[in-house]
N, C-alpha and C. Protein backbone atom coordinates (compact mmCIF):
# COMPACT_ATOMS: atom_id res chain seq x y z
N MET A 1 -81.95 19.48 95.95
CA MET A 1 -82.72 19.25 97.11
C MET A 1 -83.59 20.53 97.39
N PRO A 2 -84.87 20.33 97.35
CA PRO A 2 -85.74 21.45 97.60
C PRO A 2 -85.66 21.97 98.98
N GLY A 3 -85.61 23.35 99.12
CA GLY A 3 -85.53 23.95 100.45
C GLY A 3 -86.91 24.22 101.05
N LYS A 4 -86.80 24.51 102.28
CA LYS A 4 -88.10 24.89 102.98
C LYS A 4 -88.58 26.27 102.55
N PRO A 5 -89.86 26.48 102.53
CA PRO A 5 -90.29 27.87 102.22
C PRO A 5 -89.87 28.87 103.38
N PRO A 6 -89.74 30.14 103.05
CA PRO A 6 -89.25 31.05 104.08
C PRO A 6 -90.27 31.20 105.18
N LYS A 7 -89.83 31.37 106.39
CA LYS A 7 -90.73 31.55 107.51
C LYS A 7 -91.35 32.92 107.44
N ARG A 8 -92.61 33.04 107.88
CA ARG A 8 -93.25 34.28 107.96
C ARG A 8 -93.00 34.87 109.35
N SER A 9 -93.07 36.16 109.45
CA SER A 9 -92.76 36.81 110.70
C SER A 9 -93.93 36.67 111.72
N GLY A 10 -95.09 36.40 111.21
CA GLY A 10 -96.24 36.18 112.17
C GLY A 10 -97.36 35.55 111.42
N LYS A 11 -98.43 35.31 112.11
CA LYS A 11 -99.59 34.71 111.39
C LYS A 11 -100.24 35.75 110.51
N ARG A 12 -100.72 35.29 109.42
CA ARG A 12 -101.36 36.15 108.45
C ARG A 12 -102.79 36.40 108.97
N LYS A 13 -103.18 37.66 109.10
CA LYS A 13 -104.46 38.01 109.64
C LYS A 13 -105.46 38.00 108.48
N ARG A 14 -106.51 37.21 108.59
CA ARG A 14 -107.53 37.21 107.66
C ARG A 14 -108.80 37.83 108.26
N PRO A 15 -109.54 38.62 107.43
CA PRO A 15 -110.75 39.23 108.04
C PRO A 15 -111.77 38.09 108.31
N VAL A 16 -112.43 38.25 109.49
CA VAL A 16 -113.47 37.37 109.86
C VAL A 16 -114.74 37.66 109.10
N THR A 17 -115.33 36.63 108.48
CA THR A 17 -116.53 36.89 107.74
C THR A 17 -117.74 36.32 108.43
N VAL A 18 -118.85 36.94 108.38
CA VAL A 18 -120.11 36.54 109.01
C VAL A 18 -121.21 36.50 107.96
N GLN A 19 -121.92 35.37 107.90
CA GLN A 19 -122.97 35.31 106.93
C GLN A 19 -124.22 36.04 107.57
N ARG A 20 -124.72 36.97 106.77
CA ARG A 20 -125.88 37.66 107.23
C ARG A 20 -127.13 36.81 107.00
N ALA A 21 -127.98 36.73 107.99
CA ALA A 21 -129.09 35.83 107.92
C ALA A 21 -130.15 36.24 106.87
N ALA A 22 -130.41 37.54 106.79
CA ALA A 22 -131.49 37.99 105.91
C ALA A 22 -131.12 37.88 104.46
N SER A 23 -129.89 38.35 104.11
CA SER A 23 -129.60 38.37 102.65
C SER A 23 -128.77 37.24 102.24
N GLY A 24 -128.07 36.49 103.16
CA GLY A 24 -127.20 35.40 102.85
C GLY A 24 -125.83 35.92 102.34
N GLU A 25 -125.57 37.23 102.32
CA GLU A 25 -124.30 37.74 101.90
C GLU A 25 -123.25 37.56 102.99
N GLU A 26 -122.03 37.55 102.64
CA GLU A 26 -120.96 37.51 103.64
C GLU A 26 -120.25 38.90 103.59
N GLY A 27 -119.75 39.23 104.84
CA GLY A 27 -119.04 40.58 104.92
C GLY A 27 -118.15 40.54 106.17
N PRO A 28 -117.45 41.57 106.40
CA PRO A 28 -116.56 41.60 107.53
C PRO A 28 -117.44 41.71 108.82
N ALA A 29 -116.92 40.98 109.89
CA ALA A 29 -117.68 40.96 111.15
C ALA A 29 -117.39 42.21 111.89
N ALA A 30 -118.45 42.77 112.49
CA ALA A 30 -118.23 43.94 113.40
C ALA A 30 -117.71 43.44 114.75
N PRO A 31 -116.73 44.12 115.25
CA PRO A 31 -116.22 43.73 116.60
C PRO A 31 -117.31 43.88 117.64
N ILE A 32 -117.41 42.87 118.55
CA ILE A 32 -118.36 42.98 119.61
C ILE A 32 -117.63 43.41 120.90
N THR A 33 -117.75 44.66 121.23
CA THR A 33 -117.08 45.14 122.44
C THR A 33 -118.08 45.90 123.27
N GLN A 34 -117.91 45.83 124.54
CA GLN A 34 -118.73 46.63 125.47
C GLN A 34 -118.05 47.91 125.76
N PRO A 35 -118.84 48.97 126.09
CA PRO A 35 -118.22 50.23 126.36
C PRO A 35 -117.27 49.98 127.63
N HIS A 36 -116.09 50.53 127.49
CA HIS A 36 -115.09 50.42 128.60
C HIS A 36 -114.08 51.53 128.56
N LYS A 37 -113.27 51.65 129.63
CA LYS A 37 -112.17 52.58 129.66
C LYS A 37 -110.95 51.78 129.99
N HIS A 38 -109.82 52.45 130.08
CA HIS A 38 -108.60 51.84 130.43
C HIS A 38 -108.05 52.48 131.69
N CYS A 39 -107.39 51.68 132.61
CA CYS A 39 -106.82 52.15 133.82
C CYS A 39 -105.77 53.23 133.41
N PHE A 40 -105.81 54.34 134.17
CA PHE A 40 -104.81 55.42 133.95
C PHE A 40 -103.36 54.89 134.20
N ASN A 41 -103.25 53.97 135.11
CA ASN A 41 -101.89 53.54 135.53
C ASN A 41 -101.40 52.43 134.63
N CYS A 42 -102.16 51.29 134.54
CA CYS A 42 -101.60 50.13 133.86
C CYS A 42 -102.27 49.80 132.56
N GLY A 43 -103.34 50.42 132.21
CA GLY A 43 -103.96 50.23 130.87
C GLY A 43 -104.89 49.06 130.74
N VAL A 44 -105.29 48.41 131.86
CA VAL A 44 -106.20 47.31 131.80
C VAL A 44 -107.64 47.82 131.57
N SER A 45 -108.34 47.04 130.81
CA SER A 45 -109.77 47.44 130.58
C SER A 45 -110.59 47.40 131.86
N ILE A 46 -111.35 48.46 132.10
CA ILE A 46 -112.19 48.56 133.31
C ILE A 46 -113.50 49.13 132.96
N PRO A 47 -114.50 49.00 133.84
CA PRO A 47 -115.82 49.56 133.50
C PRO A 47 -115.75 51.10 133.35
N VAL A 48 -116.76 51.62 132.67
CA VAL A 48 -116.79 53.11 132.35
C VAL A 48 -116.88 53.93 133.61
N ASP A 49 -117.44 53.42 134.66
CA ASP A 49 -117.63 54.34 135.88
C ASP A 49 -116.46 54.38 136.79
N ARG A 50 -115.31 53.68 136.44
CA ARG A 50 -114.06 53.74 137.25
C ARG A 50 -112.95 54.37 136.43
N ASP A 51 -111.88 54.88 137.16
CA ASP A 51 -110.71 55.42 136.52
C ASP A 51 -109.49 54.57 136.70
N ILE A 52 -109.42 53.87 137.85
CA ILE A 52 -108.24 53.03 138.29
C ILE A 52 -108.80 51.73 138.54
N CYS A 53 -108.06 50.72 138.23
CA CYS A 53 -108.54 49.34 138.40
C CYS A 53 -108.40 48.72 139.78
N SER A 54 -107.40 49.20 140.58
CA SER A 54 -107.22 48.59 141.92
C SER A 54 -106.64 49.62 142.86
N ASP A 55 -106.59 49.28 144.16
CA ASP A 55 -106.07 50.12 145.16
C ASP A 55 -104.55 50.27 144.97
N ARG A 56 -103.79 49.17 144.47
CA ARG A 56 -102.43 49.21 144.19
C ARG A 56 -102.15 50.20 143.07
N CYS A 57 -102.93 50.23 142.02
CA CYS A 57 -102.75 51.11 140.92
C CYS A 57 -103.03 52.54 141.38
N GLN A 58 -104.05 52.72 142.24
CA GLN A 58 -104.39 54.08 142.75
C GLN A 58 -103.22 54.61 143.55
N ALA A 59 -102.48 53.75 144.39
CA ALA A 59 -101.38 54.23 145.15
C ALA A 59 -100.18 54.61 144.24
N GLU A 60 -100.00 53.81 143.15
CA GLU A 60 -98.88 54.12 142.26
C GLU A 60 -99.19 55.38 141.52
N TRP A 61 -100.46 55.56 141.09
CA TRP A 61 -100.82 56.78 140.33
C TRP A 61 -100.71 58.03 141.21
N ASP A 62 -101.06 57.93 142.46
CA ASP A 62 -100.98 59.09 143.40
C ASP A 62 -99.49 59.43 143.59
N ARG A 63 -98.62 58.41 143.72
CA ARG A 63 -97.17 58.59 143.94
C ARG A 63 -96.57 59.31 142.74
N MET A 64 -97.00 58.82 141.52
CA MET A 64 -96.50 59.44 140.31
C MET A 64 -96.91 60.89 140.19
N LEU A 65 -98.20 61.23 140.49
CA LEU A 65 -98.60 62.60 140.40
C LEU A 65 -97.85 63.49 141.37
N LYS A 66 -97.67 62.97 142.61
CA LYS A 66 -96.89 63.74 143.60
C LYS A 66 -95.44 64.05 143.11
N ARG A 67 -94.78 63.00 142.56
CA ARG A 67 -93.44 63.21 142.05
C ARG A 67 -93.41 64.19 140.87
N LYS A 68 -94.44 64.07 140.01
CA LYS A 68 -94.53 64.97 138.85
C LYS A 68 -94.70 66.44 139.32
N LYS A 69 -95.53 66.59 140.33
CA LYS A 69 -95.77 67.98 140.86
C LYS A 69 -94.47 68.50 141.47
N LEU A 70 -93.74 67.68 142.23
CA LEU A 70 -92.45 68.12 142.80
C LEU A 70 -91.44 68.54 141.63
N MET A 71 -91.41 67.70 140.65
CA MET A 71 -90.48 68.01 139.52
C MET A 71 -90.87 69.26 138.80
N THR A 72 -92.15 69.64 138.85
CA THR A 72 -92.58 70.88 138.26
C THR A 72 -92.08 72.07 138.93
N TYR A 73 -92.16 72.04 140.33
CA TYR A 73 -91.87 73.17 141.11
C TYR A 73 -90.34 73.20 141.51
N LEU A 74 -89.61 72.13 141.35
CA LEU A 74 -88.21 72.14 141.76
C LEU A 74 -87.33 73.14 141.11
N PRO A 75 -87.44 73.46 139.80
CA PRO A 75 -86.63 74.49 139.25
C PRO A 75 -86.88 75.93 139.89
N PHE A 76 -88.17 76.16 140.19
CA PHE A 76 -88.49 77.44 140.80
C PHE A 76 -87.94 77.58 142.23
N ILE A 77 -87.94 76.48 142.96
CA ILE A 77 -87.36 76.47 144.33
C ILE A 77 -85.80 76.68 144.19
N GLY A 78 -85.18 75.99 143.21
CA GLY A 78 -83.76 76.16 143.00
C GLY A 78 -83.35 77.61 142.65
N ILE A 79 -84.09 78.27 141.78
CA ILE A 79 -83.88 79.65 141.43
C ILE A 79 -84.06 80.57 142.66
N ALA A 80 -85.09 80.32 143.45
CA ALA A 80 -85.34 81.17 144.66
C ALA A 80 -84.20 80.97 145.58
N LEU A 81 -83.68 79.77 145.79
CA LEU A 81 -82.48 79.56 146.66
C LEU A 81 -81.27 80.23 146.17
N LEU A 82 -80.98 80.20 144.87
CA LEU A 82 -79.84 80.83 144.29
C LEU A 82 -79.93 82.36 144.44
N LEU A 83 -81.16 82.92 144.25
CA LEU A 83 -81.30 84.37 144.47
C LEU A 83 -81.11 84.75 145.91
N LEU A 84 -81.62 83.92 146.79
CA LEU A 84 -81.40 84.14 148.23
C LEU A 84 -79.89 84.18 148.58
N PHE A 85 -79.13 83.21 148.13
CA PHE A 85 -77.72 83.16 148.34
C PHE A 85 -76.96 84.37 147.82
N TYR A 86 -77.47 84.77 146.61
CA TYR A 86 -76.86 85.94 145.87
C TYR A 86 -77.08 87.21 146.73
N VAL A 87 -78.26 87.35 147.23
CA VAL A 87 -78.61 88.53 148.04
C VAL A 87 -77.83 88.48 149.41
N LEU A 88 -77.64 87.31 149.99
CA LEU A 88 -76.89 87.20 151.21
C LEU A 88 -75.43 87.51 150.97
N ILE A 89 -74.81 87.10 149.88
CA ILE A 89 -73.47 87.37 149.64
C ILE A 89 -73.29 88.86 149.32
N LEU A 90 -74.16 89.49 148.64
CA LEU A 90 -74.04 90.96 148.38
C LEU A 90 -74.23 91.74 149.65
N ALA A 91 -74.96 91.29 150.56
CA ALA A 91 -75.21 92.01 151.83
C ALA A 91 -73.98 92.08 152.70
N ASN A 92 -73.08 91.16 152.53
CA ASN A 92 -71.84 91.14 153.39
C ASN A 92 -70.80 91.93 152.77
C-alpha cells in the first residue's frame, strides 16, 4: 500500500519573476515598498515623519521609559540608604 508523501513544514517559497518589457528577459522582482519606519513600541509600519503609531503606544512607551529610568537609579539609591544607616549606627 503506497503511503502518503511526507508533509512539508511550510510552503516552499519561490522567487517571483517579472518579465522585463524592453528585453523580454525574466528575473527576480524587486520588492515595491515605500519608505517607512516602525513604531518604537509595537513595531507596526508607520510614516517616516512619526515615531509612535498611536496615543496608546505613546503612553506605554513613556511608562516603559519611566520604569527603565527608575531601575537605573534604584541601585544607587539603595547604596546611599545603606551608607546612611551605617553612618547612623556608627554615630551611636
